[in-house]
Amino acid sequence: MGVDQEQRTIRCLVAKVGLDGHDRGAHVISRAFRDAGFEVIYSGLHRAPEEIVQAAVQEDVDVLGISILSGAHDTLVPKIVDGLQEYDAFEDTLLLVGGIIPDDDEDELKALGVSEVFGPGASMDEMIEFVRQNVPER
């Protein structure tokens, strides 16, 4: 008998990609997700896209949250998407991006397959509810 979507623990990887050294937001998100009952893995700083993909695949996460403030989202996020697709993990992973993302770039990220972009001031409750409503079924 399968586990009901509401009963299973949602596994999340919160990742800092590239040279971005500011991780306070990633820590705040990680704690909020943990407090909401999600299982959270934090990548640490300065991870390459390939490292993030490997961690997401190895940990079999439901949600991959990319925190990026460096402005390199247009280069780094496509590499993560490509990596997830190579491992056939893209369809099973809810991909979120948070940080400083210009409004003009949100549509491009969503066209790549990013489910949602959360900028400064986004509500933790809104993010948690978004994850609960959109996490892929397994």
Protein backbone atom coordinates (compact mmCIF):
# COMPACT_ATOMS: atom_id res chain seq x y z
CA MET A 1 0.00 0.00 0.00
CA GLY A 2 1.44 3.39 -1.02
CA VAL A 3 2.16 6.15 1.40
CA ASP A 4 -0.22 9.08 1.12
CA GLN A 5 1.41 12.26 -0.24
CA GLU A 6 0.47 14.12 2.93
CA GLN A 7 2.07 11.48 5.18
CA ARG A 8 5.46 11.07 3.58
CA THR A 9 8.33 13.34 4.52
CA ILE A 10 9.29 15.78 1.79
CA ARG A 11 13.07 15.69 1.16
CA CYS A 12 14.68 19.02 0.21
CA LEU A 13 18.16 20.06 -0.85
CA VAL A 14 18.90 23.74 -0.31
CA ALA A 15 21.94 24.57 -2.41
CA LYS A 16 24.31 27.50 -2.84
CA VAL A 17 25.71 27.45 -6.37
CA GLY A 18 28.75 29.27 -7.69
CA LEU A 19 30.87 31.86 -5.96
CA ASP A 20 28.04 33.42 -3.98
CA GLY A 21 29.22 33.62 -0.37
CA HIS A 22 26.06 34.92 1.28
CA ASP A 23 24.12 32.06 2.85
CA ARG A 24 21.97 33.63 5.53
CA GLY A 25 18.84 33.30 3.39
CA ALA A 26 19.61 29.65 2.64
CA HIS A 27 19.92 28.97 6.37
CA VAL A 28 16.62 30.76 7.08
CA ILE A 29 14.84 28.74 4.37
CA SER A 30 16.40 25.50 5.60
CA ARG A 31 15.21 26.13 9.13
CA ALA A 32 11.69 27.10 7.99
CA PHE A 33 11.45 23.95 5.85
CA ARG A 34 12.72 21.83 8.74
CA ASP A 35 10.19 23.44 11.11
CA ALA A 36 7.47 22.62 8.56
CA GLY A 37 8.39 18.93 8.83
CA PHE A 38 10.52 18.63 5.69
CA GLU A 39 13.79 16.73 5.72
CA VAL A 40 16.43 19.28 4.71
CA ILE A 41 19.95 18.88 3.39
CA TYR A 42 22.10 22.00 3.02
CA SER A 43 24.88 21.91 0.42
CA GLY A 44 27.20 24.47 1.96
CA LEU A 45 28.79 27.31 0.03
CA HIS A 46 30.47 27.45 -3.37
CA ARG A 47 29.03 24.33 -4.98
CA ALA A 48 29.42 23.62 -8.66
CA PRO A 49 26.26 22.76 -10.61
CA GLU A 50 27.55 19.20 -11.05
CA GLU A 51 27.98 18.80 -7.27
CA ILE A 52 24.44 19.99 -6.67
CA VAL A 53 23.03 17.59 -9.26
CA GLN A 54 24.99 14.70 -7.76
CA ALA A 55 23.73 15.53 -4.26
CA ALA A 56 20.13 15.84 -5.46
CA VAL A 57 20.30 12.48 -7.25
CA GLN A 58 22.15 10.64 -4.49
CA GLU A 59 19.85 11.97 -1.78
CA ASP A 60 16.76 11.33 -3.93
CA VAL A 61 15.27 14.72 -3.05
CA ASP A 62 11.77 15.85 -3.90
CA VAL A 63 12.70 19.54 -3.89
CA LEU A 64 15.86 21.32 -5.02
CA GLY A 65 16.04 24.92 -3.85
CA ILE A 66 18.81 26.96 -5.45
CA SER A 67 19.81 30.08 -3.54
CA ILE A 68 21.75 32.53 -5.68
CA LEU A 69 22.60 36.17 -5.17
CA SER A 70 25.61 36.51 -7.49
CA GLY A 71 23.73 37.24 -10.72
CA ALA A 72 25.03 34.07 -12.39
CA HIS A 73 21.61 32.37 -12.37
CA ASP A 74 21.34 32.58 -16.17
CA THR A 75 24.51 30.49 -16.50
CA LEU A 76 24.36 28.17 -13.48
CA VAL A 77 20.67 27.19 -13.34
CA PRO A 78 20.63 25.81 -16.93
CA LYS A 79 23.60 23.59 -16.03
CA ILE A 80 21.65 22.22 -13.06
CA VAL A 81 18.58 21.61 -15.22
CA ASP A 82 20.72 19.82 -17.83
CA GLY A 83 22.33 17.67 -15.12
CA LEU A 84 18.99 16.67 -13.62
CA GLN A 85 17.75 15.75 -17.10
CA GLU A 86 20.85 13.63 -17.75
CA TYR A 87 20.04 11.58 -14.65
CA ASP A 88 16.32 11.41 -15.46
CA ALA A 89 15.68 13.24 -12.18
CA PHE A 90 14.20 16.44 -13.59
CA GLU A 91 10.57 15.30 -13.74
CA ASP A 92 10.70 14.01 -10.15
CA THR A 93 12.26 17.15 -8.66
CA LEU A 94 10.50 20.41 -7.84
CA LEU A 95 13.07 23.07 -8.78
CA LEU A 96 12.91 26.39 -6.97
CA VAL A 97 15.20 29.41 -7.25
CA GLY A 98 15.53 32.09 -4.64
CA GLY A 99 17.62 35.19 -4.24
CA ILE A 100 18.20 38.30 -6.26
CA ILE A 101 16.69 37.52 -9.65
CA PRO A 102 15.66 40.37 -11.96
CA ASP A 103 12.01 40.24 -12.96
CA ASP A 104 13.01 39.98 -16.63
CA ASP A 105 14.88 36.73 -15.91
CA GLU A 106 12.06 34.94 -14.08
CA ASP A 107 10.26 33.97 -17.30
CA GLU A 108 13.49 32.55 -18.76
CA LEU A 109 14.08 30.45 -15.64
CA LYS A 110 10.51 29.18 -15.70
CA ALA A 111 10.85 28.31 -19.39
CA LEU A 112 13.82 26.13 -18.39
CA GLY A 113 11.62 24.28 -15.92
CA VAL A 114 12.06 26.20 -12.68
CA SER A 115 8.73 25.85 -10.88
CA GLU A 116 8.91 29.12 -8.98
CA VAL A 117 11.25 32.02 -8.24
CA PHE A 118 11.16 33.52 -4.76
CA GLY A 119 12.77 36.91 -4.25
CA PRO A 120 13.49 39.03 -1.20
CA GLY A 121 10.48 39.42 1.05
CA ALA A 122 8.82 36.18 -0.05
CA SER A 123 6.78 34.68 2.74
CA MET A 124 8.05 31.47 4.33
CA ASP A 125 4.46 30.28 4.61
CA GLU A 126 3.97 30.93 0.89
CA MET A 127 7.09 28.89 0.03
CA ILE A 128 6.12 26.01 2.30
CA GLU A 129 2.60 25.92 0.88
CA PHE A 130 3.96 26.07 -2.67
CA VAL A 131 6.17 23.04 -1.96
CA ARG A 132 3.33 21.08 -0.38
CA GLN A 133 1.01 21.83 -3.30
CA ASN A 134 3.54 21.16 -6.07
CA VAL A 135 5.95 18.46 -4.89
CA PRO A 136 5.98 15.66 -7.48
CA GLU A 137 4.21 12.46 -6.49
CA ARG A 138 6.32 9.35 -6.29
